Amino acid sequence: DLEIMSIASTSEIKFEQCDFLVQFGTPPWPDLDESLLFQDELMVVCNPRLAKTLKKPQDLARQTLLHSSFRPDNWRQWLESAGLSTAAAGKGPKFPNALLASEAAVSGAGVAVMQRAYVLNDLASGRLVEPLQHRARSANGYYMTSAKRRSRERKIRDFSRWIRSLVESEASPALIPLALITAPQRARSVRISVESSAGVLAATSRLCTW
């Protein structure tokens, strides 16, 4: 069986309680093996109608900025990386999570900065578009981690090898949930914990739910 649970913080869990932990940050972490799933990458999204009014980053000054309370610094990070003023970075409606912020963007309520992995499906379907090509990238990423002391366990070894092969094949982050369902049978009896703090909400939604 593949058991997945959400936790508020990595401090709440020990590797006696789970086999793998998906966490957000920058390695190295003492005593952990890690496999990079995908990098943290922020992009501006909105619905196709609103995109017609956005030709350059400066056009954002006339738009409503939508925010996720889980990632309150997204707009500041994106504007700063684009060389723009961050004076208005905190203005605009704030939603409890990224899902509601992205749905507001789909409805035309404004423009949102979202993690790329979170909105791949909406971009593919045309519900959202990326009107501005600039993206903000950080040194952080989403990692599947496990305890080094357990690296010789067969299920840990098999699942780790399979995850690495999936990432090395450059599979889309949006497809990883479907791939997890077809994980190697020898590795299916694993427990994965996902940190559900602000930093990894997108990973929780796109990587570990289906």
N, C-alpha and C. Protein backbone atom coordinates (compact mmCIF):
# COMPACT_ATOMS: atom_id res chain seq x y z
N ASP A 1 0.84 -1.19 0.00
CA ASP A 1 0.00 0.00 0.00
C ASP A 1 0.87 1.24 0.00
N LEU A 2 0.33 2.32 -0.55
CA LEU A 2 1.01 3.61 -0.55
C LEU A 2 0.20 4.54 0.33
N GLU A 3 0.73 4.89 1.49
CA GLU A 3 0.02 5.74 2.45
C GLU A 3 0.64 7.12 2.45
N ILE A 4 -0.17 8.15 2.29
CA ILE A 4 0.33 9.53 2.25
C ILE A 4 -0.39 10.34 3.31
N MET A 5 0.37 11.08 4.12
CA MET A 5 -0.25 11.92 5.14
C MET A 5 0.36 13.31 5.10
N SER A 6 -0.45 14.29 5.50
CA SER A 6 -0.02 15.68 5.51
C SER A 6 0.32 16.08 6.94
N ILE A 7 1.43 16.81 7.09
CA ILE A 7 1.84 17.27 8.41
C ILE A 7 2.08 18.78 8.35
N ALA A 8 1.97 19.44 9.50
CA ALA A 8 2.13 20.90 9.54
C ALA A 8 3.60 21.31 9.47
N SER A 9 4.48 20.45 9.95
CA SER A 9 5.89 20.79 10.00
C SER A 9 6.72 19.52 10.05
N THR A 10 7.94 19.60 9.51
CA THR A 10 8.82 18.43 9.54
C THR A 10 9.21 18.06 10.97
N SER A 11 9.09 18.99 11.90
CA SER A 11 9.43 18.70 13.29
C SER A 11 8.42 17.76 13.94
N GLU A 12 7.25 17.58 13.27
CA GLU A 12 6.21 16.73 13.84
C GLU A 12 6.42 15.25 13.54
N ILE A 13 7.35 14.94 12.67
CA ILE A 13 7.43 13.57 12.18
C ILE A 13 8.84 13.01 12.38
N LYS A 14 8.92 11.71 12.60
CA LYS A 14 10.20 11.02 12.66
C LYS A 14 10.14 9.91 11.62
N PHE A 15 11.32 9.46 11.19
CA PHE A 15 11.36 8.45 10.14
C PHE A 15 11.01 7.06 10.66
N GLU A 16 10.70 6.94 11.96
CA GLU A 16 10.08 5.71 12.44
C GLU A 16 8.59 5.71 12.08
N GLN A 17 8.04 6.90 11.80
CA GLN A 17 6.61 7.04 11.49
C GLN A 17 6.34 7.08 9.98
N CYS A 18 7.36 7.34 9.20
CA CYS A 18 7.18 7.36 7.74
C CYS A 18 8.46 6.89 7.08
N ASP A 19 8.34 6.51 5.82
CA ASP A 19 9.50 6.04 5.06
C ASP A 19 10.15 7.17 4.28
N PHE A 20 9.32 8.09 3.78
CA PHE A 20 9.81 9.22 3.01
C PHE A 20 9.11 10.49 3.47
N LEU A 21 9.80 11.61 3.29
CA LEU A 21 9.23 12.90 3.63
C LEU A 21 9.47 13.85 2.47
N VAL A 22 8.40 14.43 1.93
CA VAL A 22 8.52 15.46 0.90
C VAL A 22 8.63 16.80 1.61
N GLN A 23 9.74 17.49 1.39
CA GLN A 23 9.91 18.77 2.05
C GLN A 23 10.51 19.81 1.11
N PHE A 24 10.31 21.07 1.51
CA PHE A 24 10.72 22.22 0.72
C PHE A 24 11.95 22.86 1.34
N GLY A 25 12.92 23.20 0.51
CA GLY A 25 14.09 23.88 1.04
C GLY A 25 15.30 23.65 0.16
N THR A 26 16.47 23.76 0.78
CA THR A 26 17.74 23.59 0.07
C THR A 26 18.63 22.64 0.85
N PRO A 27 19.00 21.49 0.28
CA PRO A 27 19.90 20.58 0.98
C PRO A 27 21.32 21.18 1.02
N PRO A 28 22.22 20.54 1.80
CA PRO A 28 22.05 19.22 2.42
C PRO A 28 21.33 19.28 3.76
N TRP A 29 20.65 18.17 4.09
CA TRP A 29 20.07 17.96 5.40
C TRP A 29 20.84 16.83 6.08
N PRO A 30 21.29 17.05 7.31
CA PRO A 30 22.06 16.01 8.00
C PRO A 30 21.29 14.70 8.09
N ASP A 31 21.97 13.63 7.77
CA ASP A 31 21.43 12.27 7.95
C ASP A 31 20.29 11.93 6.99
N LEU A 32 20.09 12.74 5.92
CA LEU A 32 19.02 12.44 4.97
C LEU A 32 19.59 12.25 3.57
N ASP A 33 19.00 11.31 2.84
CA ASP A 33 19.20 11.21 1.40
C ASP A 33 18.07 11.98 0.74
N GLU A 34 18.34 12.66 -0.37
CA GLU A 34 17.28 13.43 -1.02
C GLU A 34 17.32 13.27 -2.52
N SER A 35 16.13 13.34 -3.14
CA SER A 35 15.99 13.35 -4.59
C SER A 35 15.17 14.58 -4.95
N LEU A 36 15.72 15.43 -5.81
CA LEU A 36 15.00 16.63 -6.23
C LEU A 36 13.81 16.24 -7.11
N LEU A 37 12.63 16.73 -6.74
CA LEU A 37 11.43 16.49 -7.55
C LEU A 37 11.24 17.60 -8.56
N PHE A 38 11.25 18.85 -8.09
CA PHE A 38 11.24 20.00 -9.00
C PHE A 38 11.62 21.25 -8.23
N GLN A 39 12.14 22.24 -8.97
CA GLN A 39 12.58 23.49 -8.36
C GLN A 39 11.39 24.41 -8.10
N ASP A 40 11.60 25.33 -7.19
CA ASP A 40 10.62 26.37 -6.91
C ASP A 40 10.70 27.39 -8.03
N GLU A 41 9.58 27.59 -8.74
CA GLU A 41 9.56 28.49 -9.90
C GLU A 41 8.22 29.23 -9.92
N LEU A 42 8.26 30.55 -9.85
CA LEU A 42 7.05 31.36 -9.78
C LEU A 42 6.76 32.02 -11.13
N MET A 43 5.49 32.02 -11.51
CA MET A 43 5.09 32.61 -12.78
C MET A 43 3.77 33.37 -12.61
N VAL A 44 3.57 34.38 -13.45
CA VAL A 44 2.34 35.16 -13.44
C VAL A 44 1.30 34.44 -14.31
N VAL A 45 0.07 34.30 -13.79
CA VAL A 45 -1.00 33.65 -14.55
C VAL A 45 -2.29 34.45 -14.43
N CYS A 46 -3.13 34.30 -15.44
CA CYS A 46 -4.46 34.92 -15.43
C CYS A 46 -5.30 34.21 -16.48
N ASN A 47 -6.55 34.62 -16.64
CA ASN A 47 -7.36 33.97 -17.67
C ASN A 47 -7.07 34.60 -19.03
N PRO A 48 -7.43 33.93 -20.12
CA PRO A 48 -7.07 34.41 -21.46
C PRO A 48 -7.58 35.82 -21.77
N ARG A 49 -8.76 36.17 -21.29
CA ARG A 49 -9.31 37.50 -21.58
C ARG A 49 -8.45 38.59 -20.96
N LEU A 50 -8.08 38.40 -19.69
CA LEU A 50 -7.28 39.40 -19.00
C LEU A 50 -5.86 39.48 -19.57
N ALA A 51 -5.38 38.37 -20.10
CA ALA A 51 -4.02 38.34 -20.65
C ALA A 51 -3.85 39.33 -21.80
N LYS A 52 -4.94 39.65 -22.49
CA LYS A 52 -4.86 40.59 -23.63
C LYS A 52 -4.45 41.99 -23.19
N THR A 53 -4.61 42.30 -21.91
CA THR A 53 -4.27 43.64 -21.41
C THR A 53 -2.86 43.68 -20.81
N LEU A 54 -2.17 42.54 -20.82
CA LEU A 54 -0.83 42.46 -20.23
C LEU A 54 0.20 42.21 -21.32
N LYS A 55 0.86 43.25 -21.74
CA LYS A 55 1.88 43.14 -22.79
C LYS A 55 3.29 43.21 -22.22
N LYS A 56 3.43 43.87 -21.08
CA LYS A 56 4.75 44.02 -20.45
C LYS A 56 4.56 44.04 -18.93
N PRO A 57 5.60 43.72 -18.17
CA PRO A 57 5.47 43.65 -16.71
C PRO A 57 4.89 44.92 -16.08
N GLN A 58 5.19 46.07 -16.65
CA GLN A 58 4.69 47.33 -16.09
C GLN A 58 3.17 47.42 -16.14
N ASP A 59 2.53 46.64 -16.99
CA ASP A 59 1.07 46.66 -17.09
C ASP A 59 0.40 46.11 -15.83
N LEU A 60 1.17 45.41 -15.01
CA LEU A 60 0.61 44.86 -13.76
C LEU A 60 0.15 45.95 -12.81
N ALA A 61 0.67 47.17 -12.98
CA ALA A 61 0.30 48.27 -12.09
C ALA A 61 -1.18 48.59 -12.18
N ARG A 62 -1.83 48.22 -13.27
CA ARG A 62 -3.26 48.50 -13.46
C ARG A 62 -4.14 47.29 -13.15
N GLN A 63 -3.53 46.22 -12.63
CA GLN A 63 -4.27 44.99 -12.40
C GLN A 63 -4.47 44.72 -10.90
N THR A 64 -5.46 43.88 -10.59
CA THR A 64 -5.68 43.41 -9.22
C THR A 64 -4.76 42.22 -8.98
N LEU A 65 -3.95 42.30 -7.95
CA LEU A 65 -3.02 41.22 -7.63
C LEU A 65 -3.67 40.27 -6.63
N LEU A 66 -3.69 39.00 -6.96
CA LEU A 66 -4.30 37.97 -6.12
C LEU A 66 -3.21 37.25 -5.31
N HIS A 67 -3.52 36.93 -4.06
CA HIS A 67 -2.52 36.35 -3.17
C HIS A 67 -3.01 35.07 -2.51
N SER A 68 -2.09 34.15 -2.26
CA SER A 68 -2.34 33.00 -1.41
C SER A 68 -1.71 33.27 -0.06
N SER A 69 -2.47 33.12 1.01
CA SER A 69 -1.93 33.36 2.35
C SER A 69 -0.83 32.37 2.73
N PHE A 70 -0.78 31.23 2.03
CA PHE A 70 0.27 30.26 2.29
C PHE A 70 1.62 30.72 1.72
N ARG A 71 1.56 31.56 0.68
CA ARG A 71 2.79 32.08 0.07
C ARG A 71 2.68 33.59 -0.06
N PRO A 72 2.66 34.34 1.05
CA PRO A 72 2.40 35.77 1.00
C PRO A 72 3.48 36.59 0.30
N ASP A 73 4.67 36.02 0.12
CA ASP A 73 5.77 36.77 -0.51
C ASP A 73 5.92 36.52 -2.00
N ASN A 74 4.99 35.75 -2.59
CA ASN A 74 5.14 35.41 -4.01
C ASN A 74 5.25 36.64 -4.91
N TRP A 75 4.35 37.59 -4.72
CA TRP A 75 4.39 38.78 -5.58
C TRP A 75 5.65 39.59 -5.36
N ARG A 76 6.05 39.74 -4.11
CA ARG A 76 7.28 40.49 -3.85
C ARG A 76 8.47 39.83 -4.53
N GLN A 77 8.56 38.50 -4.44
CA GLN A 77 9.67 37.79 -5.05
C GLN A 77 9.67 37.96 -6.56
N TRP A 78 8.47 37.83 -7.15
CA TRP A 78 8.41 37.93 -8.62
C TRP A 78 8.74 39.34 -9.08
N LEU A 79 8.14 40.36 -8.48
CA LEU A 79 8.38 41.74 -8.87
C LEU A 79 9.84 42.12 -8.69
N GLU A 80 10.41 41.71 -7.58
CA GLU A 80 11.81 42.01 -7.31
C GLU A 80 12.72 41.38 -8.35
N SER A 81 12.44 40.13 -8.69
CA SER A 81 13.28 39.43 -9.67
C SER A 81 13.14 40.03 -11.07
N ALA A 82 11.99 40.69 -11.33
CA ALA A 82 11.76 41.33 -12.63
C ALA A 82 12.27 42.77 -12.67
N GLY A 83 12.85 43.22 -11.55
CA GLY A 83 13.38 44.57 -11.50
C GLY A 83 12.33 45.64 -11.33
N LEU A 84 11.16 45.28 -10.79
CA LEU A 84 10.06 46.22 -10.62
C LEU A 84 9.90 46.62 -9.16
N SER A 85 9.21 47.73 -8.93
CA SER A 85 8.93 48.18 -7.58
C SER A 85 8.06 47.16 -6.85
N THR A 86 8.35 46.95 -5.58
CA THR A 86 7.55 46.02 -4.77
C THR A 86 6.58 46.76 -3.85
N ALA A 87 6.39 48.05 -4.10
CA ALA A 87 5.54 48.86 -3.23
C ALA A 87 4.12 48.32 -3.14
N ALA A 88 3.61 47.77 -4.24
CA ALA A 88 2.23 47.27 -4.27
C ALA A 88 2.15 45.75 -4.09
N ALA A 89 3.26 45.15 -3.72
CA ALA A 89 3.32 43.68 -3.67
C ALA A 89 2.32 43.07 -2.70
N GLY A 90 1.95 43.79 -1.65
CA GLY A 90 1.02 43.23 -0.66
C GLY A 90 -0.42 43.62 -0.88
N LYS A 91 -0.69 44.41 -1.91
CA LYS A 91 -2.06 44.87 -2.14
C LYS A 91 -2.86 43.83 -2.92
N GLY A 92 -4.17 43.84 -2.73
CA GLY A 92 -5.04 42.93 -3.45
C GLY A 92 -5.65 41.87 -2.56
N PRO A 93 -6.67 41.15 -3.05
CA PRO A 93 -7.36 40.12 -2.26
C PRO A 93 -6.43 39.00 -1.84
N LYS A 94 -6.63 38.52 -0.63
CA LYS A 94 -5.83 37.41 -0.11
C LYS A 94 -6.73 36.20 0.14
N PHE A 95 -6.32 35.06 -0.38
CA PHE A 95 -7.10 33.83 -0.29
C PHE A 95 -6.39 32.84 0.64
N PRO A 96 -7.16 31.94 1.27
CA PRO A 96 -6.56 31.02 2.25
C PRO A 96 -5.49 30.10 1.68
N ASN A 97 -5.59 29.80 0.39
CA ASN A 97 -4.63 28.87 -0.19
C ASN A 97 -4.47 29.13 -1.69
N ALA A 98 -3.53 28.41 -2.29
CA ALA A 98 -3.21 28.59 -3.70
C ALA A 98 -4.36 28.16 -4.60
N LEU A 99 -5.11 27.13 -4.19
CA LEU A 99 -6.23 26.66 -5.00
C LEU A 99 -7.25 27.77 -5.22
N LEU A 100 -7.64 28.45 -4.14
CA LEU A 100 -8.64 29.50 -4.25
C LEU A 100 -8.09 30.70 -5.02
N ALA A 101 -6.82 31.00 -4.83
CA ALA A 101 -6.21 32.10 -5.58
C ALA A 101 -6.19 31.80 -7.08
N SER A 102 -5.87 30.57 -7.43
CA SER A 102 -5.82 30.21 -8.85
C SER A 102 -7.22 30.19 -9.46
N GLU A 103 -8.22 29.76 -8.69
CA GLU A 103 -9.59 29.76 -9.19
C GLU A 103 -10.09 31.19 -9.39
N ALA A 104 -9.67 32.10 -8.50
CA ALA A 104 -10.02 33.51 -8.68
C ALA A 104 -9.40 34.04 -9.97
N ALA A 105 -8.18 33.63 -10.26
CA ALA A 105 -7.53 34.05 -11.50
C ALA A 105 -8.28 33.49 -12.72
N VAL A 106 -8.71 32.26 -12.63
CA VAL A 106 -9.48 31.65 -13.72
C VAL A 106 -10.76 32.43 -13.98
N SER A 107 -11.40 32.91 -12.91
CA SER A 107 -12.67 33.64 -13.04
C SER A 107 -12.49 35.05 -13.58
N GLY A 108 -11.24 35.53 -13.64
CA GLY A 108 -10.99 36.88 -14.12
C GLY A 108 -10.93 37.94 -13.04
N ALA A 109 -10.83 37.50 -11.78
CA ALA A 109 -10.81 38.46 -10.67
C ALA A 109 -9.49 39.22 -10.58
N GLY A 110 -8.47 38.73 -11.24
CA GLY A 110 -7.19 39.40 -11.19
C GLY A 110 -6.07 38.50 -11.69
N VAL A 111 -4.85 38.88 -11.31
CA VAL A 111 -3.65 38.18 -11.77
C VAL A 111 -2.97 37.57 -10.55
N ALA A 112 -2.49 36.34 -10.67
CA ALA A 112 -1.84 35.65 -9.56
C ALA A 112 -0.42 35.25 -9.92
N VAL A 113 0.42 35.16 -8.92
CA VAL A 113 1.74 34.53 -9.07
C VAL A 113 1.64 33.16 -8.44
N MET A 114 1.90 32.14 -9.25
CA MET A 114 1.74 30.77 -8.79
C MET A 114 3.01 29.97 -9.05
N GLN A 115 3.20 28.92 -8.29
CA GLN A 115 4.28 27.99 -8.58
C GLN A 115 3.92 27.23 -9.87
N ARG A 116 4.89 27.13 -10.74
CA ARG A 116 4.66 26.52 -12.05
C ARG A 116 4.07 25.12 -11.93
N ALA A 117 4.61 24.31 -11.03
CA ALA A 117 4.14 22.93 -10.90
C ALA A 117 2.67 22.86 -10.52
N TYR A 118 2.20 23.89 -9.81
CA TYR A 118 0.82 23.88 -9.33
C TYR A 118 -0.18 24.12 -10.44
N VAL A 119 0.20 24.90 -11.46
CA VAL A 119 -0.79 25.31 -12.47
C VAL A 119 -0.58 24.65 -13.84
N LEU A 120 0.27 23.65 -13.92
CA LEU A 120 0.53 23.02 -15.22
C LEU A 120 -0.74 22.50 -15.88
N ASN A 121 -1.60 21.88 -15.11
CA ASN A 121 -2.84 21.35 -15.69
C ASN A 121 -3.75 22.46 -16.19
N ASP A 122 -3.87 23.56 -15.43
CA ASP A 122 -4.70 24.68 -15.85
C ASP A 122 -4.13 25.36 -17.09
N LEU A 123 -2.81 25.42 -17.19
CA LEU A 123 -2.19 25.98 -18.39
C LEU A 123 -2.44 25.09 -19.60
N ALA A 124 -2.33 23.79 -19.40
CA ALA A 124 -2.55 22.85 -20.51
C ALA A 124 -3.98 22.89 -21.01
N SER A 125 -4.93 23.12 -20.10
CA SER A 125 -6.34 23.14 -20.49
C SER A 125 -6.78 24.49 -21.05
N GLY A 126 -5.94 25.52 -20.86
CA GLY A 126 -6.29 26.85 -21.34
C GLY A 126 -7.08 27.67 -20.34
N ARG A 127 -7.35 27.12 -19.16
CA ARG A 127 -8.07 27.89 -18.14
C ARG A 127 -7.23 29.07 -17.66
N LEU A 128 -5.93 28.87 -17.63
CA LEU A 128 -5.00 29.93 -17.29
C LEU A 128 -3.95 30.06 -18.39
N VAL A 129 -3.39 31.26 -18.52
CA VAL A 129 -2.30 31.48 -19.47
C VAL A 129 -1.20 32.24 -18.74
N GLU A 130 -0.01 32.22 -19.32
CA GLU A 130 1.13 32.95 -18.78
C GLU A 130 1.38 34.16 -19.68
N PRO A 131 0.86 35.33 -19.32
CA PRO A 131 0.95 36.49 -20.21
C PRO A 131 2.35 37.10 -20.28
N LEU A 132 3.14 36.93 -19.23
CA LEU A 132 4.48 37.50 -19.16
C LEU A 132 5.48 36.36 -19.01
N GLN A 133 6.53 36.41 -19.79
CA GLN A 133 7.44 35.27 -19.85
C GLN A 133 8.45 35.21 -18.72
N HIS A 134 8.57 36.28 -17.96
CA HIS A 134 9.54 36.25 -16.86
C HIS A 134 9.08 35.31 -15.74
N ARG A 135 10.01 34.54 -15.21
CA ARG A 135 9.74 33.66 -14.08
C ARG A 135 10.78 33.90 -12.99
N ALA A 136 10.33 33.77 -11.75
CA ALA A 136 11.23 33.93 -10.61
C ALA A 136 11.63 32.55 -10.10
N ARG A 137 12.91 32.31 -10.02
CA ARG A 137 13.41 31.03 -9.55
C ARG A 137 14.24 31.23 -8.30
N SER A 138 14.09 30.33 -7.36
CA SER A 138 14.87 30.39 -6.13
C SER A 138 15.78 29.18 -6.04
N ALA A 139 16.62 29.17 -5.03
CA ALA A 139 17.51 28.03 -4.82
C ALA A 139 16.79 26.87 -4.16
N ASN A 140 15.55 27.10 -3.73
CA ASN A 140 14.80 26.05 -3.05
C ASN A 140 14.16 25.09 -4.04
N GLY A 141 13.79 23.94 -3.53
CA GLY A 141 13.11 22.95 -4.35
C GLY A 141 12.28 22.02 -3.48
N TYR A 142 11.59 21.10 -4.13
CA TYR A 142 10.80 20.08 -3.44
C TYR A 142 11.56 18.76 -3.53
N TYR A 143 11.82 18.17 -2.38
CA TYR A 143 12.66 16.98 -2.32
C TYR A 143 11.95 15.82 -1.64
N MET A 144 12.15 14.63 -2.20
CA MET A 144 11.74 13.40 -1.54
C MET A 144 12.93 12.95 -0.71
N THR A 145 12.77 12.93 0.62
CA THR A 145 13.89 12.61 1.50
C THR A 145 13.62 11.31 2.27
N SER A 146 14.70 10.68 2.67
CA SER A 146 14.61 9.46 3.49
C SER A 146 15.84 9.41 4.38
N ALA A 147 15.76 8.63 5.46
CA ALA A 147 16.86 8.54 6.42
C ALA A 147 18.01 7.71 5.85
N LYS A 148 19.24 8.25 5.93
CA LYS A 148 20.41 7.54 5.42
C LYS A 148 20.57 6.17 6.08
N ARG A 149 20.24 6.08 7.36
CA ARG A 149 20.43 4.83 8.09
C ARG A 149 19.51 3.73 7.59
N ARG A 150 18.48 4.10 6.81
CA ARG A 150 17.56 3.09 6.29
C ARG A 150 17.78 2.82 4.80
N SER A 151 18.85 3.34 4.25
CA SER A 151 19.07 3.28 2.80
C SER A 151 19.21 1.87 2.26
N ARG A 152 19.55 0.90 3.12
CA ARG A 152 19.73 -0.48 2.64
C ARG A 152 18.44 -1.29 2.68
N GLU A 153 17.39 -0.71 3.26
CA GLU A 153 16.11 -1.42 3.25
C GLU A 153 15.60 -1.53 1.81
N ARG A 154 15.09 -2.69 1.48
CA ARG A 154 14.72 -2.95 0.09
C ARG A 154 13.66 -1.98 -0.43
N LYS A 155 12.62 -1.73 0.37
CA LYS A 155 11.57 -0.86 -0.13
C LYS A 155 12.06 0.59 -0.27
N ILE A 156 12.96 1.01 0.63
CA ILE A 156 13.52 2.34 0.52
C ILE A 156 14.38 2.44 -0.73
N ARG A 157 15.21 1.44 -0.95
CA ARG A 157 16.09 1.41 -2.11
C ARG A 157 15.31 1.39 -3.42
N ASP A 158 14.29 0.51 -3.50
CA ASP A 158 13.52 0.38 -4.73
C ASP A 158 12.72 1.65 -5.05
N PHE A 159 12.08 2.21 -4.02
CA PHE A 159 11.26 3.39 -4.26
C PHE A 159 12.15 4.59 -4.60
N SER A 160 13.28 4.73 -3.94
CA SER A 160 14.21 5.82 -4.22
C SER A 160 14.72 5.73 -5.65
N ARG A 161 15.08 4.52 -6.07
CA ARG A 161 15.58 4.33 -7.43
C ARG A 161 14.51 4.68 -8.46
N TRP A 162 13.29 4.28 -8.17
CA TRP A 162 12.19 4.56 -9.09
C TRP A 162 11.89 6.05 -9.18
N ILE A 163 11.89 6.76 -8.04
CA ILE A 163 11.66 8.20 -8.04
C ILE A 163 12.74 8.91 -8.85
N ARG A 164 14.00 8.51 -8.66
CA ARG A 164 15.08 9.14 -9.42
C ARG A 164 14.93 8.91 -10.91
N SER A 165 14.50 7.71 -11.30
CA SER A 165 14.32 7.43 -12.73
C SER A 165 13.20 8.27 -13.31
N LEU A 166 12.17 8.52 -12.51
CA LEU A 166 11.05 9.34 -12.97
C LEU A 166 11.50 10.78 -13.20
N VAL A 167 12.27 11.31 -12.25
CA VAL A 167 12.75 12.68 -12.37
C VAL A 167 13.74 12.80 -13.52
N GLU A 168 14.62 11.83 -13.67
CA GLU A 168 15.62 11.88 -14.73
C GLU A 168 15.00 11.77 -16.11
N SER A 169 13.79 11.21 -16.19
CA SER A 169 13.10 11.13 -17.47
C SER A 169 12.44 12.45 -17.83
N GLU A 170 12.60 13.47 -16.95
CA GLU A 170 12.04 14.81 -17.13
C GLU A 170 10.52 14.77 -17.21
N ALA A 171 9.92 13.88 -16.44
CA ALA A 171 8.46 13.83 -16.37
C ALA A 171 7.93 15.13 -15.79
N SER A 172 6.79 15.59 -16.29
CA SER A 172 6.16 16.79 -15.77
C SER A 172 5.78 16.59 -14.32
N PRO A 173 6.00 17.61 -13.45
CA PRO A 173 5.58 17.48 -12.05
C PRO A 173 4.10 17.16 -11.92
N ALA A 174 3.29 17.63 -12.87
CA ALA A 174 1.85 17.39 -12.80
C ALA A 174 1.51 15.93 -13.03
N LEU A 175 2.44 15.16 -13.64
CA LEU A 175 2.17 13.76 -13.92
C LEU A 175 2.64 12.84 -12.81
N ILE A 176 3.42 13.36 -11.86
CA ILE A 176 3.97 12.51 -10.80
C ILE A 176 2.89 11.85 -9.97
N PRO A 177 1.75 12.52 -9.63
CA PRO A 177 0.71 11.82 -8.88
C PRO A 177 0.21 10.57 -9.58
N LEU A 178 0.04 10.64 -10.90
CA LEU A 178 -0.42 9.47 -11.65
C LEU A 178 0.65 8.40 -11.65
N ALA A 179 1.90 8.81 -11.75
CA ALA A 179 2.99 7.85 -11.75
C ALA A 179 3.11 7.14 -10.41
N LEU A 180 2.84 7.85 -9.33
CA LEU A 180 2.94 7.22 -8.02
C LEU A 180 2.02 6.02 -7.90
N ILE A 181 0.87 6.08 -8.57
CA ILE A 181 -0.09 4.98 -8.51
C ILE A 181 0.50 3.71 -9.11
N THR A 182 1.42 3.89 -10.06
CA THR A 182 2.02 2.74 -10.73
C THR A 182 3.42 2.45 -10.21
N ALA A 183 3.70 2.86 -8.99
CA ALA A 183 5.02 2.61 -8.40
C ALA A 183 5.31 1.12 -8.37
N PRO A 184 6.60 0.73 -8.39
CA PRO A 184 6.97 -0.68 -8.37
C PRO A 184 6.30 -1.42 -7.22
N GLN A 185 5.80 -2.60 -7.49
CA GLN A 185 5.07 -3.35 -6.48
C GLN A 185 5.90 -3.61 -5.23
N ARG A 186 7.18 -3.84 -5.40
CA ARG A 186 8.03 -4.12 -4.24
C ARG A 186 8.15 -2.88 -3.35
N ALA A 187 7.85 -1.72 -3.90
CA ALA A 187 7.99 -0.49 -3.12
C ALA A 187 6.65 0.11 -2.76
N ARG A 188 5.55 -0.57 -3.05
CA ARG A 188 4.24 0.03 -2.83
C ARG A 188 3.87 0.17 -1.36
N SER A 189 4.47 -0.64 -0.48
CA SER A 189 4.13 -0.54 0.94
C SER A 189 5.04 0.49 1.60
N VAL A 190 4.83 1.75 1.22
CA VAL A 190 5.63 2.83 1.78
C VAL A 190 4.71 3.91 2.31
N ARG A 191 5.23 4.66 3.28
CA ARG A 191 4.49 5.76 3.89
C ARG A 191 5.22 7.06 3.57
N ILE A 192 4.50 7.99 2.98
CA ILE A 192 5.08 9.28 2.60
C ILE A 192 4.39 10.37 3.40
N SER A 193 5.18 11.22 4.04
CA SER A 193 4.63 12.38 4.74
C SER A 193 4.97 13.62 3.93
N VAL A 194 4.03 14.56 3.88
CA VAL A 194 4.22 15.78 3.11
C VAL A 194 4.04 16.96 4.04
N GLU A 195 5.06 17.80 4.13
CA GLU A 195 4.94 18.99 4.96
C GLU A 195 3.93 19.93 4.33
N SER A 196 2.90 20.31 5.08
CA SER A 196 1.82 21.12 4.52
C SER A 196 1.92 22.58 4.94
N SER A 197 3.13 23.04 5.22
CA SER A 197 3.34 24.44 5.56
C SER A 197 3.25 25.29 4.31
N ALA A 198 3.43 26.58 4.46
CA ALA A 198 3.31 27.50 3.33
C ALA A 198 4.24 27.12 2.20
N GLY A 199 5.43 26.65 2.53
CA GLY A 199 6.41 26.38 1.50
C GLY A 199 6.09 25.23 0.60
N VAL A 200 5.31 24.27 1.04
CA VAL A 200 5.12 23.08 0.24
C VAL A 200 3.67 22.80 -0.08
N LEU A 201 2.83 23.81 -0.05
CA LEU A 201 1.43 23.58 -0.37
C LEU A 201 1.26 23.07 -1.80
N ALA A 202 2.02 23.63 -2.72
CA ALA A 202 1.91 23.19 -4.10
C ALA A 202 2.34 21.74 -4.25
N ALA A 203 3.39 21.37 -3.56
CA ALA A 203 3.83 19.97 -3.61
C ALA A 203 2.76 19.06 -3.04
N THR A 204 2.11 19.48 -1.98
CA THR A 204 1.05 18.68 -1.40
C THR A 204 -0.07 18.47 -2.40
N SER A 205 -0.44 19.53 -3.09
CA SER A 205 -1.59 19.46 -3.97
C SER A 205 -1.29 18.70 -5.26
N ARG A 206 -0.12 18.93 -5.84
CA ARG A 206 0.17 18.36 -7.13
C ARG A 206 0.93 17.05 -7.08
N LEU A 207 1.71 16.88 -6.04
CA LEU A 207 2.56 15.68 -5.98
C LEU A 207 1.88 14.54 -5.26
N CYS A 208 1.15 14.83 -4.22
CA CYS A 208 0.72 13.76 -3.32
C CYS A 208 -0.76 13.66 -3.10
N THR A 209 -1.58 14.13 -4.01
CA THR A 209 -3.01 13.84 -3.96
C THR A 209 -3.48 13.47 -5.35
N TRP A 210 -4.45 12.59 -5.43
CA TRP A 210 -5.03 12.22 -6.73
C TRP A 210 -6.43 11.72 -6.52
